[in-house]
Amino acid sequence: MIPVPLDMEEVGFIKALHMLWPLIFWLIVPWLYCVLWESSNAQATPGKLAFSLIVVNEEGRRLGFMHASGRYWIKAISGVFVHIIYIVVAFTAKKTGTTRSLCQNLGCE
């Protein structure tokens, strides 16, 4: 008996993976980029570091991985809805966005 290298089930999986690859790439890579940089000792992405900004929690400490993940997904989801995160800043007393309200973090100089 000669094995068939790609039977119908494997071809279907490869087609599905091929279709989902852009979605996986555009969701996972930016998330890991932001979260790993903001939860590292650098406390900011290179763009924020260029302007001497860091991201800290309300106690002035470095964000944890889960905290930074929550912050990223809140930004991503609110960004879908007409960049609510940036509009809200104009109407808050401390001029902070939705991520600060929901994740209790601050951007500091």
N, C-alpha and C. Protein backbone atom coordinates (compact mmCIF):
# COMPACT_ATOMS: atom_id res chain seq x y z
N MET A 1 0.85 -1.18 0.00
CA MET A 1 0.00 0.00 0.00
C MET A 1 0.89 1.24 0.00
N ILE A 2 0.63 2.15 -0.89
CA ILE A 2 1.42 3.39 -1.01
C ILE A 2 0.66 4.51 -0.29
N PRO A 3 1.31 5.19 0.69
CA PRO A 3 0.62 6.27 1.40
C PRO A 3 0.40 7.48 0.47
N VAL A 4 -0.73 8.11 0.63
CA VAL A 4 -1.03 9.32 -0.14
C VAL A 4 -0.54 10.50 0.70
N PRO A 5 0.40 11.33 0.18
CA PRO A 5 0.97 12.41 0.99
C PRO A 5 -0.06 13.46 1.40
N LEU A 6 -0.97 13.78 0.52
CA LEU A 6 -1.98 14.79 0.86
C LEU A 6 -3.36 14.26 0.51
N ASP A 7 -4.02 13.68 1.49
CA ASP A 7 -5.39 13.26 1.19
C ASP A 7 -6.32 14.46 1.38
N MET A 8 -7.58 14.28 1.22
CA MET A 8 -8.53 15.39 1.21
C MET A 8 -8.53 16.17 2.51
N GLU A 9 -8.43 15.51 3.65
CA GLU A 9 -8.46 16.21 4.93
C GLU A 9 -7.25 17.12 5.09
N GLU A 10 -6.08 16.66 4.72
CA GLU A 10 -4.87 17.48 4.83
C GLU A 10 -4.93 18.66 3.88
N VAL A 11 -5.43 18.46 2.67
CA VAL A 11 -5.54 19.56 1.71
C VAL A 11 -6.49 20.62 2.24
N GLY A 12 -7.59 20.18 2.86
CA GLY A 12 -8.54 21.12 3.45
C GLY A 12 -7.91 21.93 4.56
N PHE A 13 -7.11 21.28 5.38
CA PHE A 13 -6.43 21.98 6.46
C PHE A 13 -5.45 23.01 5.91
N ILE A 14 -4.70 22.61 4.89
CA ILE A 14 -3.73 23.52 4.29
C ILE A 14 -4.43 24.72 3.66
N LYS A 15 -5.55 24.49 3.00
CA LYS A 15 -6.32 25.59 2.41
C LYS A 15 -6.84 26.53 3.50
N ALA A 16 -7.34 25.96 4.59
CA ALA A 16 -7.84 26.77 5.70
C ALA A 16 -6.71 27.58 6.32
N LEU A 17 -5.57 26.94 6.52
CA LEU A 17 -4.42 27.64 7.08
C LEU A 17 -3.96 28.76 6.15
N HIS A 18 -3.98 28.48 4.87
CA HIS A 18 -3.59 29.49 3.88
C HIS A 18 -4.54 30.68 3.91
N MET A 19 -5.81 30.43 4.11
CA MET A 19 -6.79 31.51 4.18
C MET A 19 -6.68 32.30 5.48
N LEU A 20 -6.36 31.62 6.57
CA LEU A 20 -6.31 32.28 7.88
C LEU A 20 -4.96 32.91 8.19
N TRP A 21 -3.92 32.59 7.44
CA TRP A 21 -2.59 33.09 7.74
C TRP A 21 -2.53 34.61 7.83
N PRO A 22 -3.12 35.38 6.89
CA PRO A 22 -3.07 36.85 7.03
C PRO A 22 -3.76 37.32 8.30
N LEU A 23 -4.88 36.71 8.64
CA LEU A 23 -5.58 37.10 9.86
C LEU A 23 -4.72 36.82 11.09
N ILE A 24 -4.13 35.66 11.14
CA ILE A 24 -3.25 35.31 12.26
C ILE A 24 -2.06 36.27 12.30
N PHE A 25 -1.47 36.52 11.16
CA PHE A 25 -0.30 37.40 11.09
C PHE A 25 -0.63 38.82 11.55
N TRP A 26 -1.76 39.36 11.10
CA TRP A 26 -2.10 40.74 11.43
C TRP A 26 -2.69 40.90 12.83
N LEU A 27 -3.05 39.81 13.49
CA LEU A 27 -3.52 39.90 14.88
C LEU A 27 -2.40 39.59 15.88
N ILE A 28 -1.67 38.53 15.64
CA ILE A 28 -0.69 38.04 16.60
C ILE A 28 0.58 38.89 16.63
N VAL A 29 1.13 39.20 15.49
CA VAL A 29 2.41 39.92 15.44
C VAL A 29 2.31 41.31 16.09
N PRO A 30 1.33 42.16 15.74
CA PRO A 30 1.26 43.47 16.41
C PRO A 30 1.00 43.36 17.91
N TRP A 31 0.17 42.37 18.29
CA TRP A 31 -0.11 42.18 19.71
C TRP A 31 1.16 41.83 20.47
N LEU A 32 1.90 40.86 19.96
CA LEU A 32 3.14 40.48 20.64
C LEU A 32 4.15 41.61 20.65
N TYR A 33 4.25 42.35 19.55
CA TYR A 33 5.18 43.48 19.47
C TYR A 33 4.90 44.49 20.59
N CYS A 34 3.66 44.94 20.68
CA CYS A 34 3.32 45.95 21.70
C CYS A 34 3.43 45.40 23.11
N VAL A 35 2.88 44.23 23.33
CA VAL A 35 2.85 43.67 24.68
C VAL A 35 4.24 43.33 25.18
N LEU A 36 5.06 42.71 24.35
CA LEU A 36 6.40 42.35 24.81
C LEU A 36 7.26 43.57 25.07
N TRP A 37 7.14 44.61 24.26
CA TRP A 37 7.90 45.83 24.51
C TRP A 37 7.40 46.56 25.76
N GLU A 38 6.07 46.72 25.89
CA GLU A 38 5.53 47.49 27.02
C GLU A 38 5.66 46.76 28.35
N SER A 39 5.71 45.44 28.33
CA SER A 39 5.87 44.71 29.59
C SER A 39 7.34 44.39 29.88
N SER A 40 8.24 44.81 29.01
CA SER A 40 9.67 44.58 29.22
C SER A 40 10.26 45.67 30.11
N ASN A 41 11.54 45.60 30.35
CA ASN A 41 12.20 46.65 31.14
C ASN A 41 12.22 47.98 30.42
N ALA A 42 12.09 47.99 29.10
CA ALA A 42 12.04 49.24 28.33
C ALA A 42 10.76 50.00 28.63
N GLN A 43 9.67 49.32 28.93
CA GLN A 43 8.37 49.88 29.28
C GLN A 43 7.73 50.70 28.16
N ALA A 44 8.15 50.51 26.93
CA ALA A 44 7.58 51.25 25.81
C ALA A 44 8.05 50.62 24.51
N THR A 45 7.32 50.89 23.45
CA THR A 45 7.75 50.47 22.11
C THR A 45 8.84 51.44 21.65
N PRO A 46 9.60 51.09 20.65
CA PRO A 46 10.65 52.01 20.18
C PRO A 46 10.13 53.39 19.79
N GLY A 47 8.93 53.46 19.24
CA GLY A 47 8.35 54.76 18.90
C GLY A 47 8.11 55.63 20.12
N LYS A 48 7.61 55.03 21.19
CA LYS A 48 7.40 55.77 22.44
C LYS A 48 8.75 56.16 23.04
N LEU A 49 9.71 55.26 22.98
CA LEU A 49 11.04 55.56 23.52
C LEU A 49 11.70 56.71 22.80
N ALA A 50 11.44 56.86 21.49
CA ALA A 50 12.01 57.96 20.73
C ALA A 50 11.55 59.31 21.27
N PHE A 51 10.37 59.33 21.88
CA PHE A 51 9.84 60.56 22.48
C PHE A 51 9.97 60.55 24.00
N SER A 52 10.77 59.66 24.53
CA SER A 52 11.03 59.53 25.97
C SER A 52 9.75 59.27 26.76
N LEU A 53 8.87 58.44 26.22
CA LEU A 53 7.64 58.07 26.91
C LEU A 53 7.75 56.63 27.40
N ILE A 54 7.15 56.37 28.54
CA ILE A 54 7.05 54.99 29.03
C ILE A 54 5.62 54.75 29.47
N VAL A 55 5.25 53.49 29.57
CA VAL A 55 3.92 53.11 30.02
C VAL A 55 4.06 52.43 31.38
N VAL A 56 3.33 52.95 32.36
CA VAL A 56 3.39 52.41 33.72
C VAL A 56 1.97 52.22 34.24
N ASN A 57 1.84 51.46 35.33
CA ASN A 57 0.53 51.34 35.96
C ASN A 57 0.33 52.52 36.91
N GLU A 58 -0.78 52.53 37.63
CA GLU A 58 -1.07 53.67 38.51
C GLU A 58 -0.07 53.84 39.64
N GLU A 59 0.66 52.80 39.98
CA GLU A 59 1.66 52.89 41.04
C GLU A 59 3.03 53.26 40.49
N GLY A 60 3.13 53.51 39.19
CA GLY A 60 4.39 53.88 38.58
C GLY A 60 5.29 52.71 38.24
N ARG A 61 4.73 51.51 38.27
CA ARG A 61 5.52 50.30 38.00
C ARG A 61 5.30 49.81 36.58
N ARG A 62 6.18 48.93 36.15
CA ARG A 62 6.11 48.31 34.83
C ARG A 62 4.84 47.46 34.72
N LEU A 63 4.23 47.45 33.54
CA LEU A 63 3.04 46.63 33.30
C LEU A 63 3.42 45.16 33.20
N GLY A 64 2.56 44.29 33.67
CA GLY A 64 2.74 42.86 33.47
C GLY A 64 2.25 42.48 32.07
N PHE A 65 2.54 41.24 31.68
CA PHE A 65 2.16 40.78 30.35
C PHE A 65 0.65 40.83 30.14
N MET A 66 -0.11 40.35 31.10
CA MET A 66 -1.58 40.34 30.97
C MET A 66 -2.14 41.76 30.98
N HIS A 67 -1.59 42.62 31.79
CA HIS A 67 -2.03 44.02 31.85
C HIS A 67 -1.76 44.70 30.51
N ALA A 68 -0.58 44.49 29.97
CA ALA A 68 -0.24 45.07 28.67
C ALA A 68 -1.11 44.48 27.56
N SER A 69 -1.44 43.19 27.68
CA SER A 69 -2.33 42.57 26.70
C SER A 69 -3.72 43.19 26.75
N GLY A 70 -4.24 43.38 27.94
CA GLY A 70 -5.54 44.04 28.08
C GLY A 70 -5.53 45.43 27.49
N ARG A 71 -4.47 46.15 27.75
CA ARG A 71 -4.33 47.51 27.21
C ARG A 71 -4.31 47.48 25.69
N TYR A 72 -3.57 46.53 25.11
CA TYR A 72 -3.49 46.43 23.65
C TYR A 72 -4.85 46.12 23.04
N TRP A 73 -5.56 45.13 23.59
CA TRP A 73 -6.83 44.73 22.99
C TRP A 73 -7.90 45.79 23.17
N ILE A 74 -7.86 46.54 24.26
CA ILE A 74 -8.80 47.65 24.42
C ILE A 74 -8.52 48.71 23.35
N LYS A 75 -7.24 49.00 23.12
CA LYS A 75 -6.90 49.95 22.05
C LYS A 75 -7.35 49.43 20.69
N ALA A 76 -7.11 48.16 20.42
CA ALA A 76 -7.46 47.58 19.12
C ALA A 76 -8.96 47.59 18.90
N ILE A 77 -9.72 47.18 19.90
CA ILE A 77 -11.18 47.12 19.75
C ILE A 77 -11.77 48.52 19.66
N SER A 78 -11.33 49.44 20.51
CA SER A 78 -11.88 50.80 20.44
C SER A 78 -11.43 51.51 19.17
N GLY A 79 -10.27 51.13 18.63
CA GLY A 79 -9.82 51.72 17.37
C GLY A 79 -10.72 51.37 16.21
N VAL A 80 -11.39 50.24 16.31
CA VAL A 80 -12.33 49.83 15.27
C VAL A 80 -13.51 50.80 15.23
N PHE A 81 -13.93 51.27 16.36
CA PHE A 81 -15.08 52.15 16.45
C PHE A 81 -14.67 53.62 16.37
N VAL A 82 -14.23 54.04 15.22
CA VAL A 82 -13.91 55.44 14.90
C VAL A 82 -12.91 56.04 15.88
N HIS A 83 -11.95 55.27 16.26
CA HIS A 83 -10.87 55.74 17.13
C HIS A 83 -11.39 56.41 18.41
N ILE A 84 -12.32 55.73 19.05
CA ILE A 84 -12.92 56.23 20.29
C ILE A 84 -11.85 56.56 21.33
N ILE A 85 -10.81 55.76 21.35
CA ILE A 85 -9.76 55.97 22.35
C ILE A 85 -9.16 57.37 22.29
N TYR A 86 -9.07 57.94 21.10
CA TYR A 86 -8.48 59.27 20.94
C TYR A 86 -9.51 60.37 21.16
N ILE A 87 -10.76 60.12 20.84
CA ILE A 87 -11.81 61.12 21.02
C ILE A 87 -12.13 61.30 22.50
N VAL A 88 -12.13 60.22 23.27
CA VAL A 88 -12.45 60.26 24.69
C VAL A 88 -11.49 61.16 25.46
N VAL A 89 -10.25 61.23 25.02
CA VAL A 89 -9.23 62.03 25.72
C VAL A 89 -9.68 63.49 25.87
N ALA A 90 -10.34 64.03 24.88
CA ALA A 90 -10.77 65.42 24.92
C ALA A 90 -11.80 65.69 26.01
N PHE A 91 -12.51 64.68 26.46
CA PHE A 91 -13.61 64.87 27.40
C PHE A 91 -13.34 64.36 28.80
N THR A 92 -12.15 63.89 29.10
CA THR A 92 -11.85 63.41 30.45
C THR A 92 -11.06 64.45 31.22
N ALA A 93 -11.21 64.43 32.51
CA ALA A 93 -10.56 65.45 33.36
C ALA A 93 -9.04 65.37 33.30
N LYS A 94 -8.48 64.16 33.34
CA LYS A 94 -7.03 64.00 33.32
C LYS A 94 -6.47 63.85 31.91
N LYS A 95 -7.32 64.00 30.89
CA LYS A 95 -6.92 63.87 29.48
C LYS A 95 -6.30 62.49 29.23
N THR A 96 -7.01 61.46 29.68
CA THR A 96 -6.56 60.08 29.47
C THR A 96 -7.59 59.34 28.63
N GLY A 97 -7.16 58.30 27.94
CA GLY A 97 -8.04 57.55 27.04
C GLY A 97 -8.72 56.38 27.72
N THR A 98 -9.39 55.59 26.90
CA THR A 98 -10.14 54.46 27.43
C THR A 98 -9.24 53.39 28.03
N THR A 99 -8.02 53.24 27.51
CA THR A 99 -7.13 52.22 28.06
C THR A 99 -6.76 52.53 29.50
N ARG A 100 -6.56 53.78 29.79
CA ARG A 100 -6.21 54.18 31.16
C ARG A 100 -7.40 53.94 32.08
N SER A 101 -8.60 54.25 31.61
CA SER A 101 -9.79 54.06 32.43
C SER A 101 -10.03 52.59 32.73
N LEU A 102 -9.85 51.74 31.73
CA LEU A 102 -10.17 50.34 31.90
C LEU A 102 -9.01 49.51 32.45
N CYS A 103 -7.78 49.94 32.25
CA CYS A 103 -6.61 49.15 32.66
C CYS A 103 -5.82 49.80 33.79
N GLN A 104 -6.19 50.96 34.23
CA GLN A 104 -5.46 51.68 35.27
C GLN A 104 -3.97 51.80 34.97
N ASN A 105 -3.64 52.39 33.81
CA ASN A 105 -2.24 52.65 33.52
C ASN A 105 -2.07 54.07 33.02
N LEU A 106 -0.85 54.53 33.04
CA LEU A 106 -0.54 55.91 32.65
C LEU A 106 0.61 55.91 31.65
N GLY A 107 0.60 56.88 30.77
CA GLY A 107 1.74 57.12 29.91
C GLY A 107 2.54 58.25 30.55
N CYS A 108 3.80 58.08 30.78
CA CYS A 108 4.60 59.08 31.49
C CYS A 108 5.78 59.52 30.66
N GLU A 109 6.24 60.72 30.94
CA GLU A 109 7.47 61.22 30.31
C GLU A 109 8.65 60.84 31.16
